[in-house]
């Protein structure tokens, strides 16, 4: 029987284009009704495993850490990945040039957010009714 993991007690921030934000940030957008600029914050979601093929885009430096950027093969949404999780993936997977097909889950380290490959326990917990 697979071991259970604790339910995630945090939420992860998504930006205006549906990309997972590495660090939660607000943005300005013109109101459709008044034309005035309005301040919007991230959409906070509960981490859930997702099956997807992600393609490596590059890397970037955030406020406190460097990270890798992945793009969803179909939707084009972007996801940051911590160096630690990238290292783990590189040691345990063969990476085809077309991207990595896996079950991914959002994660949090300190005040930053990213993705990693979901464990069997996390997939099992989320698939239970």
C-alpha atoms as a PDB file:
ATOM      1  CA  UNK A   1       0.000   0.000   0.000  1.00  0.00           C
ATOM      2  CA  UNK A   2       1.493   3.391  -0.968  1.00  0.00           C
ATOM      3  CA  UNK A   3       2.280   5.788   1.854  1.00  0.00           C
ATOM      4  CA  UNK A   4       0.037   8.802   2.196  1.00  0.00           C
ATOM      5  CA  UNK A   5       1.343  12.350   2.121  1.00  0.00           C
ATOM      6  CA  UNK A   6      -0.119  15.260   3.971  1.00  0.00           C
ATOM      7  CA  UNK A   7      -2.588  17.383   2.063  1.00  0.00           C
ATOM      8  CA  UNK A   8      -1.010  20.560   0.760  1.00  0.00           C
ATOM      9  CA  UNK A   9      -1.641  23.406   3.211  1.00  0.00           C
ATOM     10  CA  UNK A  10      -0.573  26.180   0.861  1.00  0.00           C
ATOM     11  CA  UNK A  11      -1.846  27.589  -2.417  1.00  0.00           C
ATOM     12  CA  UNK A  12       0.206  28.580  -5.461  1.00  0.00           C
ATOM     13  CA  UNK A  13      -0.024  31.864  -7.450  1.00  0.00           C
ATOM     14  CA  UNK A  14      -0.996  32.012 -11.123  1.00  0.00           C
ATOM     15  CA  UNK A  15      -0.659  35.174 -13.218  1.00  0.00           C
ATOM     16  CA  UNK A  16      -2.898  36.826 -15.815  1.00  0.00           C
ATOM     17  CA  UNK A  17      -1.832  34.480 -18.662  1.00  0.00           C
ATOM     18  CA  UNK A  18      -2.266  31.317 -16.575  1.00  0.00           C
ATOM     19  CA  UNK A  19       1.450  30.938 -15.864  1.00  0.00           C
ATOM     20  CA  UNK A  20       2.593  29.719 -12.443  1.00  0.00           C
ATOM     21  CA  UNK A  21       4.367  32.661 -10.799  1.00  0.00           C
ATOM     22  CA  UNK A  22       7.777  32.012  -9.262  1.00  0.00           C
ATOM     23  CA  UNK A  23       7.027  34.799  -6.767  1.00  0.00           C
ATOM     24  CA  UNK A  24       3.508  36.226  -6.265  1.00  0.00           C
ATOM     25  CA  UNK A  25       3.162  39.588  -7.986  1.00  0.00           C
ATOM     26  CA  UNK A  26       0.332  41.988  -8.772  1.00  0.00           C
ATOM     27  CA  UNK A  27      -0.322  43.591 -12.159  1.00  0.00           C
ATOM     28  CA  UNK A  28      -2.284  46.506 -13.558  1.00  0.00           C
ATOM     29  CA  UNK A  29      -5.072  46.051 -16.065  1.00  0.00           C
ATOM     30  CA  UNK A  30      -7.533  48.493 -17.630  1.00  0.00           C
ATOM     31  CA  UNK A  31     -11.143  47.981 -16.539  1.00  0.00           C
ATOM     32  CA  UNK A  32     -13.458  47.012 -19.403  1.00  0.00           C
ATOM     33  CA  UNK A  33     -16.282  49.126 -17.965  1.00  0.00           C
ATOM     34  CA  UNK A  34     -14.536  52.319 -16.805  1.00  0.00           C
ATOM     35  CA  UNK A  35     -11.219  52.215 -18.638  1.00  0.00           C
ATOM     36  CA  UNK A  36      -9.463  52.977 -15.336  1.00  0.00           C
ATOM     37  CA  UNK A  37      -6.448  50.931 -14.391  1.00  0.00           C
ATOM     38  CA  UNK A  38      -7.147  48.328 -11.709  1.00  0.00           C
ATOM     39  CA  UNK A  39      -4.670  46.395  -9.602  1.00  0.00           C
ATOM     40  CA  UNK A  40      -5.054  42.612  -9.741  1.00  0.00           C
ATOM     41  CA  UNK A  41      -3.380  39.934  -7.669  1.00  0.00           C
ATOM     42  CA  UNK A  42      -2.558  36.326  -8.465  1.00  0.00           C
ATOM     43  CA  UNK A  43      -5.158  33.600  -8.686  1.00  0.00           C
ATOM     44  CA  UNK A  44      -4.345  31.287  -5.773  1.00  0.00           C
ATOM     45  CA  UNK A  45      -4.847  27.572  -6.520  1.00  0.00           C
ATOM     46  CA  UNK A  46      -4.407  24.379  -4.504  1.00  0.00           C
ATOM     47  CA  UNK A  47      -1.555  22.226  -5.891  1.00  0.00           C
ATOM     48  CA  UNK A  48      -2.857  19.251  -7.876  1.00  0.00           C
ATOM     49  CA  UNK A  49      -1.005  16.709 -10.009  1.00  0.00           C
ATOM     50  CA  UNK A  50      -1.317  17.311 -13.755  1.00  0.00           C
ATOM     51  CA  UNK A  51      -0.237  15.072 -16.609  1.00  0.00           C
ATOM     52  CA  UNK A  52       1.531  17.145 -19.235  1.00  0.00           C
ATOM     53  CA  UNK A  53       4.442  17.353 -21.606  1.00  0.00           C
ATOM     54  CA  UNK A  54       6.613  20.312 -20.661  1.00  0.00           C
ATOM     55  CA  UNK A  55       9.373  21.709 -22.873  1.00  0.00           C
ATOM     56  CA  UNK A  56      12.484  23.338 -21.432  1.00  0.00           C
ATOM     57  CA  UNK A  57      12.595  27.068 -22.278  1.00  0.00           C
ATOM     58  CA  UNK A  58      15.572  28.395 -20.319  1.00  0.00           C
ATOM     59  CA  UNK A  59      16.490  29.768 -16.944  1.00  0.00           C
ATOM     60  CA  UNK A  60      16.027  32.999 -14.995  1.00  0.00           C
ATOM     61  CA  UNK A  61      17.028  34.624 -11.743  1.00  0.00           C
ATOM     62  CA  UNK A  62      14.346  35.517  -9.249  1.00  0.00           C
ATOM     63  CA  UNK A  63      14.429  37.581  -6.077  1.00  0.00           C
ATOM     64  CA  UNK A  64      16.304  34.943  -4.121  1.00  0.00           C
ATOM     65  CA  UNK A  65      17.040  32.036  -6.445  1.00  0.00           C
ATOM     66  CA  UNK A  66      17.815  30.988  -9.983  1.00  0.00           C
ATOM     67  CA  UNK A  67      15.284  28.664 -11.574  1.00  0.00           C
ATOM     68  CA  UNK A  68      14.461  26.837 -14.808  1.00  0.00           C
ATOM     69  CA  UNK A  69      11.472  27.672 -17.008  1.00  0.00           C
ATOM     70  CA  UNK A  70       9.256  25.073 -18.662  1.00  0.00           C
ATOM     71  CA  UNK A  71       6.444  25.625 -21.198  1.00  0.00           C
ATOM     72  CA  UNK A  72       3.355  23.429 -21.526  1.00  0.00           C
ATOM     73  CA  UNK A  73       3.591  21.709 -24.910  1.00  0.00           C
ATOM     74  CA  UNK A  74      -0.078  22.402 -25.816  1.00  0.00           C
ATOM     75  CA  UNK A  75      -1.276  25.471 -23.882  1.00  0.00           C
ATOM     76  CA  UNK A  76       1.993  27.436 -23.822  1.00  0.00           C
ATOM     77  CA  UNK A  77       1.632  28.294 -20.121  1.00  0.00           C
ATOM     78  CA  UNK A  78       4.918  28.587 -18.267  1.00  0.00           C
ATOM     79  CA  UNK A  79       6.114  26.955 -15.064  1.00  0.00           C
ATOM     80  CA  UNK A  80       9.242  27.687 -13.005  1.00  0.00           C
ATOM     81  CA  UNK A  81      11.251  24.797 -11.536  1.00  0.00           C
ATOM     82  CA  UNK A  82      13.709  24.931  -8.634  1.00  0.00           C
ATOM     83  CA  UNK A  83      17.275  23.796  -9.275  1.00  0.00           C
ATOM     84  CA  UNK A  84      16.894  21.037  -6.665  1.00  0.00           C
ATOM     85  CA  UNK A  85      13.899  19.552  -8.487  1.00  0.00           C
ATOM     86  CA  UNK A  86      15.636  19.904 -11.869  1.00  0.00           C
ATOM     87  CA  UNK A  87      18.644  18.026 -10.508  1.00  0.00           C
ATOM     88  CA  UNK A  88      16.406  15.226  -9.164  1.00  0.00           C
ATOM     89  CA  UNK A  89      14.595  14.948 -12.506  1.00  0.00           C
ATOM     90  CA  UNK A  90      17.845  14.822 -14.487  1.00  0.00           C
ATOM     91  CA  UNK A  91      19.131  11.970 -12.307  1.00  0.00           C
ATOM     92  CA  UNK A  92      15.962   9.880 -12.643  1.00  0.00           C
ATOM     93  CA  UNK A  93      14.662  10.551 -16.177  1.00  0.00           C
ATOM     94  CA  UNK A  94      15.746  10.407 -19.795  1.00  0.00           C
ATOM     95  CA  UNK A  95      14.893  13.783 -21.291  1.00  0.00           C
ATOM     96  CA  UNK A  96      13.732  13.695 -24.939  1.00  0.00           C
ATOM     97  CA  UNK A  97      14.140  16.845 -27.003  1.00  0.00           C
ATOM     98  CA  UNK A  98      10.348  17.088 -27.436  1.00  0.00           C
ATOM     99  CA  UNK A  99       9.872  17.671 -23.716  1.00  0.00           C
ATOM    100  CA  UNK A 100       9.213  15.722 -20.543  1.00  0.00           C
ATOM    101  CA  UNK A 101       5.926  13.841 -20.254  1.00  0.00           C
ATOM    102  CA  UNK A 102       5.172  13.293 -16.576  1.00  0.00           C
ATOM    103  CA  UNK A 103       2.707  13.976 -13.793  1.00  0.00           C
ATOM    104  CA  UNK A 104       3.745  17.329 -12.333  1.00  0.00           C
ATOM    105  CA  UNK A 105       2.722  19.149  -9.143  1.00  0.00           C
ATOM    106  CA  UNK A 106       3.262  22.680  -7.921  1.00  0.00           C
ATOM    107  CA  UNK A 107       5.536  23.122  -4.903  1.00  0.00           C
ATOM    108  CA  UNK A 108       6.746  25.839  -2.559  1.00  0.00           C
ATOM    109  CA  UNK A 109      10.228  26.538  -1.192  1.00  0.00           C
ATOM    110  CA  UNK A 110      10.487  29.514   1.116  1.00  0.00           C
ATOM    111  CA  UNK A 111       8.517  32.332  -0.540  1.00  0.00           C
ATOM    112  CA  UNK A 112       8.943  30.976  -4.078  1.00  0.00           C
ATOM    113  CA  UNK A 113       6.888  28.556  -6.170  1.00  0.00           C
ATOM    114  CA  UNK A 114       7.715  26.034  -8.873  1.00  0.00           C
ATOM    115  CA  UNK A 115       6.899  22.585 -10.211  1.00  0.00           C
ATOM    116  CA  UNK A 116       8.380  19.136  -9.806  1.00  0.00           C
ATOM    117  CA  UNK A 117       7.466  15.597 -10.759  1.00  0.00           C
ATOM    118  CA  UNK A 118       4.723  14.354  -8.435  1.00  0.00           C
ATOM    119  CA  UNK A 119       5.352  11.355  -6.213  1.00  0.00           C
ATOM    120  CA  UNK A 120       3.187   8.230  -6.455  1.00  0.00           C
ATOM    121  CA  UNK A 121       1.751   9.058  -3.007  1.00  0.00           C
ATOM    122  CA  UNK A 122       0.698  12.569  -4.123  1.00  0.00           C
ATOM    123  CA  UNK A 123      -0.958  11.182  -7.231  1.00  0.00           C
ATOM    124  CA  UNK A 124      -2.789   8.530  -5.180  1.00  0.00           C
ATOM    125  CA  UNK A 125      -4.022  11.044  -2.565  1.00  0.00           C
ATOM    126  CA  UNK A 126      -5.424  13.386  -5.242  1.00  0.00           C
ATOM    127  CA  UNK A 127      -7.140  10.564  -7.143  1.00  0.00           C
ATOM    128  CA  UNK A 128      -9.049   9.341  -4.083  1.00  0.00           C
ATOM    129  CA  UNK A 129     -12.719  10.409  -3.854  1.00  0.00           C
END
